[in-house]
Amino acid sequence: QVQLVETGGGLVQAGGSLRLSCAVSGRTLNTYNMGWFRQAPGKERDVVATINWGSGITSYADSVKGRFTISRDNAKNTMYLQMNSLKPDDTAVYYCAAGPRRSVVYTSMNSHDYDSWGQGTQVTVSS
């Protein structure tokens, strides 16, 4: 099973930026999807961005498109989420996740396709 550890969360003012990192170990990822999800208190977990590790194809939630960028560093076996122009509504616990791919090329935005999860890192955006 893939092991995932998120870092990089913190407190930032609206309009600021943060970069989250997800260190991956335990399995090669060429046949996996990786993704970032978030959950605010009292709300359901929502997808933020995903990537097919092998193809590099990405998908983004409409709420973060143009502001967030998901990327990977194959040499470091690490995934990143660069978050710019942060808004108070972005406040949540952010989770790194991994799951077997269905498509060779495309990624998945369905949380049920992900079966390995990190511990989460808190992101708080103040007004």
N, C-alpha and C. Protein backbone atom coordinates (compact mmCIF):
# COMPACT_ATOMS: atom_id res chain seq x y z
N GLN A 1 0.83 -1.18 0.00
CA GLN A 1 0.00 0.00 0.00
C GLN A 1 0.88 1.25 0.00
N VAL A 2 0.40 2.28 -0.69
CA VAL A 2 1.13 3.54 -0.77
C VAL A 2 1.05 4.26 0.58
N GLN A 3 2.18 4.82 1.01
CA GLN A 3 2.24 5.62 2.23
C GLN A 3 2.40 7.09 1.85
N LEU A 4 1.62 7.96 2.48
CA LEU A 4 1.55 9.36 2.12
C LEU A 4 1.68 10.24 3.35
N VAL A 5 2.50 11.29 3.26
CA VAL A 5 2.68 12.24 4.35
C VAL A 5 2.60 13.65 3.79
N GLU A 6 1.60 14.43 4.24
CA GLU A 6 1.44 15.81 3.79
C GLU A 6 2.17 16.77 4.72
N THR A 7 2.74 17.81 4.15
CA THR A 7 3.33 18.91 4.90
C THR A 7 3.04 20.22 4.17
N GLY A 8 3.24 21.34 4.85
CA GLY A 8 3.16 22.64 4.22
C GLY A 8 1.96 23.48 4.58
N GLY A 9 1.02 22.95 5.36
CA GLY A 9 -0.13 23.73 5.76
C GLY A 9 0.24 24.82 6.74
N GLY A 10 -0.69 25.73 6.96
CA GLY A 10 -0.45 26.82 7.89
C GLY A 10 -1.50 27.90 7.77
N LEU A 11 -1.19 29.05 8.36
CA LEU A 11 -2.08 30.20 8.37
C LEU A 11 -1.57 31.24 7.37
N VAL A 12 -2.46 31.73 6.53
CA VAL A 12 -2.09 32.71 5.53
C VAL A 12 -3.24 33.69 5.35
N GLN A 13 -2.93 34.93 5.00
CA GLN A 13 -3.95 35.93 4.72
C GLN A 13 -4.56 35.71 3.34
N ALA A 14 -5.79 36.16 3.18
CA ALA A 14 -6.44 36.09 1.88
C ALA A 14 -5.57 36.75 0.81
N GLY A 15 -5.47 36.09 -0.33
CA GLY A 15 -4.62 36.57 -1.40
C GLY A 15 -3.22 36.00 -1.38
N GLY A 16 -2.86 35.34 -0.29
CA GLY A 16 -1.53 34.77 -0.16
C GLY A 16 -1.41 33.41 -0.80
N SER A 17 -0.25 32.78 -0.59
CA SER A 17 0.07 31.50 -1.22
C SER A 17 0.64 30.51 -0.22
N LEU A 18 0.40 29.24 -0.49
CA LEU A 18 1.01 28.14 0.24
C LEU A 18 1.34 27.03 -0.75
N ARG A 19 2.35 26.23 -0.43
CA ARG A 19 2.66 25.04 -1.21
C ARG A 19 2.61 23.83 -0.30
N LEU A 20 1.73 22.90 -0.61
CA LEU A 20 1.63 21.64 0.11
C LEU A 20 2.48 20.59 -0.58
N SER A 21 3.09 19.71 0.22
CA SER A 21 3.89 18.62 -0.30
C SER A 21 3.33 17.30 0.19
N CYS A 22 3.46 16.27 -0.62
CA CYS A 22 3.04 14.92 -0.27
C CYS A 22 4.18 13.98 -0.61
N ALA A 23 4.86 13.47 0.41
CA ALA A 23 5.92 12.50 0.22
C ALA A 23 5.32 11.11 0.09
N VAL A 24 5.73 10.39 -0.94
CA VAL A 24 5.15 9.10 -1.28
C VAL A 24 6.18 8.00 -1.13
N SER A 25 5.79 6.90 -0.51
CA SER A 25 6.66 5.74 -0.39
C SER A 25 5.82 4.46 -0.38
N GLY A 26 6.49 3.33 -0.59
CA GLY A 26 5.83 2.03 -0.48
C GLY A 26 5.51 1.35 -1.80
N ARG A 27 5.42 2.12 -2.89
CA ARG A 27 5.06 1.54 -4.17
C ARG A 27 5.40 2.51 -5.30
N THR A 28 5.79 1.98 -6.45
CA THR A 28 5.95 2.81 -7.63
C THR A 28 4.57 3.27 -8.09
N LEU A 29 4.52 4.46 -8.71
CA LEU A 29 3.26 5.15 -8.93
C LEU A 29 2.85 5.27 -10.39
N ASN A 30 3.54 4.62 -11.30
CA ASN A 30 3.25 4.78 -12.72
C ASN A 30 1.84 4.33 -13.10
N THR A 31 1.25 3.43 -12.33
CA THR A 31 -0.10 2.95 -12.61
C THR A 31 -1.13 3.51 -11.62
N TYR A 32 -0.82 4.63 -10.99
CA TYR A 32 -1.69 5.22 -9.97
C TYR A 32 -2.16 6.62 -10.35
N ASN A 33 -3.34 6.97 -9.83
CA ASN A 33 -3.77 8.36 -9.74
C ASN A 33 -3.39 8.90 -8.37
N MET A 34 -3.02 10.17 -8.32
CA MET A 34 -2.77 10.88 -7.08
C MET A 34 -3.66 12.10 -7.04
N GLY A 35 -4.04 12.52 -5.83
CA GLY A 35 -4.92 13.66 -5.74
C GLY A 35 -4.85 14.39 -4.42
N TRP A 36 -5.36 15.61 -4.44
CA TRP A 36 -5.54 16.42 -3.24
C TRP A 36 -7.04 16.61 -2.99
N PHE A 37 -7.45 16.37 -1.76
CA PHE A 37 -8.82 16.55 -1.32
C PHE A 37 -8.82 17.45 -0.10
N ARG A 38 -9.96 18.06 0.20
CA ARG A 38 -10.04 18.91 1.38
C ARG A 38 -11.39 18.75 2.07
N GLN A 39 -11.38 19.00 3.39
CA GLN A 39 -12.58 18.87 4.19
C GLN A 39 -12.61 19.96 5.25
N ALA A 40 -13.65 20.78 5.22
CA ALA A 40 -13.88 21.78 6.24
C ALA A 40 -14.73 21.18 7.35
N PRO A 41 -14.64 21.72 8.57
CA PRO A 41 -15.43 21.19 9.68
C PRO A 41 -16.93 21.17 9.36
N GLY A 42 -17.56 20.02 9.59
CA GLY A 42 -18.98 19.88 9.33
C GLY A 42 -19.37 19.70 7.89
N LYS A 43 -18.40 19.61 6.98
CA LYS A 43 -18.68 19.45 5.56
C LYS A 43 -18.08 18.15 5.04
N GLU A 44 -18.54 17.73 3.86
CA GLU A 44 -18.03 16.53 3.23
C GLU A 44 -16.68 16.81 2.59
N ARG A 45 -15.93 15.73 2.40
CA ARG A 45 -14.64 15.85 1.73
C ARG A 45 -14.84 16.10 0.24
N ASP A 46 -14.14 17.10 -0.30
CA ASP A 46 -14.27 17.48 -1.70
C ASP A 46 -12.93 17.32 -2.41
N VAL A 47 -13.00 16.97 -3.68
CA VAL A 47 -11.80 16.87 -4.50
C VAL A 47 -11.30 18.27 -4.83
N VAL A 48 -10.00 18.43 -4.88
CA VAL A 48 -9.36 19.69 -5.23
C VAL A 48 -8.69 19.58 -6.59
N ALA A 49 -7.80 18.60 -6.74
CA ALA A 49 -7.05 18.40 -7.97
C ALA A 49 -6.51 16.99 -7.98
N THR A 50 -6.38 16.41 -9.17
CA THR A 50 -5.85 15.05 -9.30
C THR A 50 -4.89 14.99 -10.47
N ILE A 51 -4.05 13.95 -10.46
CA ILE A 51 -3.08 13.74 -11.52
C ILE A 51 -2.90 12.25 -11.76
N ASN A 52 -2.86 11.86 -13.03
CA ASN A 52 -2.44 10.52 -13.41
C ASN A 52 -0.91 10.52 -13.38
N TRP A 53 -0.34 9.77 -12.45
CA TRP A 53 1.11 9.85 -12.24
C TRP A 53 1.89 9.46 -13.48
N GLY A 54 1.41 8.44 -14.20
CA GLY A 54 2.13 7.97 -15.37
C GLY A 54 2.05 8.92 -16.55
N SER A 55 0.87 9.45 -16.85
CA SER A 55 0.68 10.30 -18.01
C SER A 55 0.93 11.78 -17.71
N GLY A 56 0.75 12.19 -16.46
CA GLY A 56 0.85 13.60 -16.10
C GLY A 56 -0.41 14.40 -16.33
N ILE A 57 -1.47 13.78 -16.83
CA ILE A 57 -2.73 14.48 -17.07
C ILE A 57 -3.35 14.87 -15.74
N THR A 58 -3.87 16.10 -15.66
CA THR A 58 -4.42 16.65 -14.43
C THR A 58 -5.87 17.07 -14.60
N SER A 59 -6.59 17.17 -13.47
CA SER A 59 -7.93 17.72 -13.42
C SER A 59 -8.06 18.59 -12.18
N TYR A 60 -8.92 19.62 -12.27
CA TYR A 60 -9.09 20.56 -11.17
C TYR A 60 -10.56 20.81 -10.90
N ALA A 61 -10.90 20.99 -9.62
CA ALA A 61 -12.22 21.47 -9.28
C ALA A 61 -12.39 22.89 -9.80
N ASP A 62 -13.61 23.22 -10.22
CA ASP A 62 -13.86 24.55 -10.76
C ASP A 62 -13.50 25.66 -9.77
N SER A 63 -13.67 25.39 -8.48
CA SER A 63 -13.45 26.41 -7.47
C SER A 63 -11.98 26.80 -7.32
N VAL A 64 -11.06 25.96 -7.80
CA VAL A 64 -9.63 26.25 -7.65
C VAL A 64 -8.93 26.43 -8.98
N LYS A 65 -9.62 26.19 -10.08
CA LYS A 65 -9.00 26.28 -11.40
C LYS A 65 -8.45 27.69 -11.64
N GLY A 66 -7.21 27.75 -12.09
CA GLY A 66 -6.55 29.02 -12.31
C GLY A 66 -5.82 29.55 -11.10
N ARG A 67 -6.06 28.98 -9.92
CA ARG A 67 -5.40 29.41 -8.69
C ARG A 67 -4.45 28.36 -8.13
N PHE A 68 -4.83 27.09 -8.26
CA PHE A 68 -4.04 25.98 -7.73
C PHE A 68 -3.39 25.21 -8.87
N THR A 69 -2.22 24.64 -8.58
CA THR A 69 -1.52 23.81 -9.55
C THR A 69 -1.03 22.54 -8.87
N ILE A 70 -1.40 21.38 -9.41
CA ILE A 70 -0.90 20.11 -8.92
C ILE A 70 0.28 19.69 -9.79
N SER A 71 1.31 19.15 -9.17
CA SER A 71 2.49 18.74 -9.91
C SER A 71 3.18 17.59 -9.19
N ARG A 72 4.14 16.99 -9.87
CA ARG A 72 4.89 15.88 -9.30
C ARG A 72 6.36 16.02 -9.63
N ASP A 73 7.20 15.51 -8.75
CA ASP A 73 8.64 15.43 -8.95
C ASP A 73 9.00 13.96 -8.87
N ASN A 74 9.22 13.34 -10.03
CA ASN A 74 9.46 11.91 -10.06
C ASN A 74 10.75 11.52 -9.32
N ALA A 75 11.78 12.36 -9.43
CA ALA A 75 13.05 12.07 -8.79
C ALA A 75 12.92 12.04 -7.27
N LYS A 76 12.09 12.93 -6.72
CA LYS A 76 11.88 13.00 -5.28
C LYS A 76 10.69 12.18 -4.80
N ASN A 77 9.93 11.60 -5.74
CA ASN A 77 8.72 10.85 -5.42
C ASN A 77 7.79 11.67 -4.53
N THR A 78 7.57 12.91 -4.94
CA THR A 78 6.80 13.86 -4.17
C THR A 78 5.78 14.57 -5.06
N MET A 79 4.60 14.79 -4.51
CA MET A 79 3.55 15.55 -5.18
C MET A 79 3.35 16.88 -4.47
N TYR A 80 2.99 17.91 -5.24
CA TYR A 80 2.83 19.25 -4.69
C TYR A 80 1.46 19.82 -5.06
N LEU A 81 0.99 20.73 -4.23
CA LEU A 81 -0.15 21.55 -4.56
C LEU A 81 0.23 23.00 -4.28
N GLN A 82 0.48 23.76 -5.34
CA GLN A 82 0.77 25.18 -5.22
C GLN A 82 -0.56 25.92 -5.19
N MET A 83 -0.81 26.66 -4.11
CA MET A 83 -2.06 27.36 -3.91
C MET A 83 -1.80 28.85 -3.89
N ASN A 84 -2.33 29.56 -4.87
CA ASN A 84 -2.19 31.00 -4.98
C ASN A 84 -3.55 31.67 -4.85
N SER A 85 -3.54 32.96 -4.59
CA SER A 85 -4.77 33.75 -4.45
C SER A 85 -5.76 33.08 -3.51
N LEU A 86 -5.28 32.68 -2.35
CA LEU A 86 -6.10 31.93 -1.41
C LEU A 86 -7.26 32.77 -0.88
N LYS A 87 -8.38 32.10 -0.66
CA LYS A 87 -9.60 32.70 -0.16
C LYS A 87 -9.98 32.07 1.17
N PRO A 88 -10.75 32.77 2.02
CA PRO A 88 -11.22 32.15 3.27
C PRO A 88 -11.95 30.83 3.04
N ASP A 89 -12.67 30.69 1.92
CA ASP A 89 -13.38 29.46 1.63
C ASP A 89 -12.45 28.28 1.36
N ASP A 90 -11.16 28.55 1.16
CA ASP A 90 -10.19 27.48 0.99
C ASP A 90 -9.78 26.85 2.31
N THR A 91 -10.19 27.43 3.43
CA THR A 91 -9.84 26.90 4.74
C THR A 91 -10.39 25.49 4.91
N ALA A 92 -9.50 24.54 5.21
CA ALA A 92 -9.89 23.14 5.33
C ALA A 92 -8.66 22.33 5.74
N VAL A 93 -8.91 21.07 6.08
CA VAL A 93 -7.83 20.10 6.18
C VAL A 93 -7.63 19.50 4.80
N TYR A 94 -6.41 19.54 4.32
CA TYR A 94 -6.08 19.04 2.99
C TYR A 94 -5.43 17.68 3.10
N TYR A 95 -5.92 16.73 2.29
CA TYR A 95 -5.45 15.36 2.31
C TYR A 95 -4.83 14.97 0.97
N CYS A 96 -3.74 14.27 1.04
CA CYS A 96 -3.13 13.63 -0.11
C CYS A 96 -3.68 12.22 -0.24
N ALA A 97 -3.94 11.76 -1.46
CA ALA A 97 -4.54 10.45 -1.67
C ALA A 97 -3.96 9.78 -2.91
N ALA A 98 -4.04 8.45 -2.93
CA ALA A 98 -3.57 7.65 -4.05
C ALA A 98 -4.54 6.51 -4.31
N GLY A 99 -4.65 6.09 -5.58
CA GLY A 99 -5.50 4.97 -5.94
C GLY A 99 -5.13 4.41 -7.29
N PRO A 100 -5.43 3.13 -7.53
CA PRO A 100 -5.14 2.53 -8.83
C PRO A 100 -5.86 3.25 -9.96
N ARG A 101 -5.18 3.44 -11.07
CA ARG A 101 -5.78 4.11 -12.21
C ARG A 101 -6.79 3.21 -12.90
N ARG A 102 -7.76 3.82 -13.56
CA ARG A 102 -8.67 3.13 -14.47
C ARG A 102 -8.28 3.35 -15.92
N SER A 103 -7.80 4.55 -16.22
CA SER A 103 -7.38 4.92 -17.56
C SER A 103 -5.86 5.05 -17.59
N VAL A 104 -5.26 4.65 -18.71
CA VAL A 104 -3.83 4.82 -18.89
C VAL A 104 -3.48 6.30 -18.97
N VAL A 105 -4.37 7.11 -19.53
CA VAL A 105 -4.09 8.51 -19.81
C VAL A 105 -4.73 9.44 -18.79
N TYR A 106 -6.03 9.28 -18.55
CA TYR A 106 -6.80 10.24 -17.78
C TYR A 106 -6.78 9.93 -16.29
N THR A 107 -7.06 10.97 -15.49
CA THR A 107 -7.12 10.84 -14.05
C THR A 107 -8.57 10.69 -13.60
N SER A 108 -8.79 10.61 -12.30
CA SER A 108 -10.13 10.45 -11.73
C SER A 108 -10.37 11.51 -10.66
N MET A 109 -11.56 12.11 -10.69
CA MET A 109 -11.99 13.06 -9.67
C MET A 109 -12.91 12.42 -8.64
N ASN A 110 -13.09 11.12 -8.70
CA ASN A 110 -13.98 10.38 -7.82
C ASN A 110 -13.20 9.90 -6.60
N SER A 111 -13.58 10.35 -5.41
CA SER A 111 -12.86 9.98 -4.19
C SER A 111 -12.89 8.48 -3.93
N HIS A 112 -13.89 7.78 -4.45
CA HIS A 112 -13.99 6.34 -4.24
C HIS A 112 -12.90 5.57 -4.99
N ASP A 113 -12.24 6.21 -5.93
CA ASP A 113 -11.14 5.58 -6.66
C ASP A 113 -9.82 5.67 -5.91
N TYR A 114 -9.81 6.28 -4.74
CA TYR A 114 -8.60 6.47 -3.95
C TYR A 114 -8.71 5.67 -2.66
N ASP A 115 -7.72 4.84 -2.40
CA ASP A 115 -7.77 3.95 -1.25
C ASP A 115 -6.61 4.13 -0.27
N SER A 116 -5.71 5.05 -0.52
CA SER A 116 -4.63 5.38 0.40
C SER A 116 -4.68 6.87 0.68
N TRP A 117 -4.60 7.22 1.97
CA TRP A 117 -4.79 8.61 2.39
C TRP A 117 -3.73 9.02 3.39
N GLY A 118 -3.29 10.27 3.29
CA GLY A 118 -2.40 10.84 4.29
C GLY A 118 -3.16 11.28 5.52
N GLN A 119 -2.42 11.85 6.47
CA GLN A 119 -3.01 12.25 7.75
C GLN A 119 -3.71 13.60 7.69
N GLY A 120 -3.43 14.38 6.67
CA GLY A 120 -4.02 15.70 6.52
C GLY A 120 -3.15 16.80 7.07
N THR A 121 -3.27 17.98 6.47
CA THR A 121 -2.57 19.17 6.96
C THR A 121 -3.54 20.35 6.91
N GLN A 122 -3.56 21.15 7.97
CA GLN A 122 -4.52 22.24 8.11
C GLN A 122 -4.07 23.46 7.32
N VAL A 123 -4.99 24.00 6.53
CA VAL A 123 -4.80 25.27 5.84
C VAL A 123 -5.87 26.23 6.33
N THR A 124 -5.45 27.37 6.85
CA THR A 124 -6.37 28.38 7.35
C THR A 124 -6.08 29.70 6.64
N VAL A 125 -7.11 30.26 6.01
CA VAL A 125 -6.98 31.52 5.27
C VAL A 125 -7.82 32.56 6.00
N SER A 126 -7.18 33.61 6.47
CA SER A 126 -7.85 34.66 7.22
C SER A 126 -8.24 35.81 6.31
N SER A 127 -9.25 36.57 6.73
CA SER A 127 -9.70 37.73 5.98
C SER A 127 -8.88 38.97 6.30
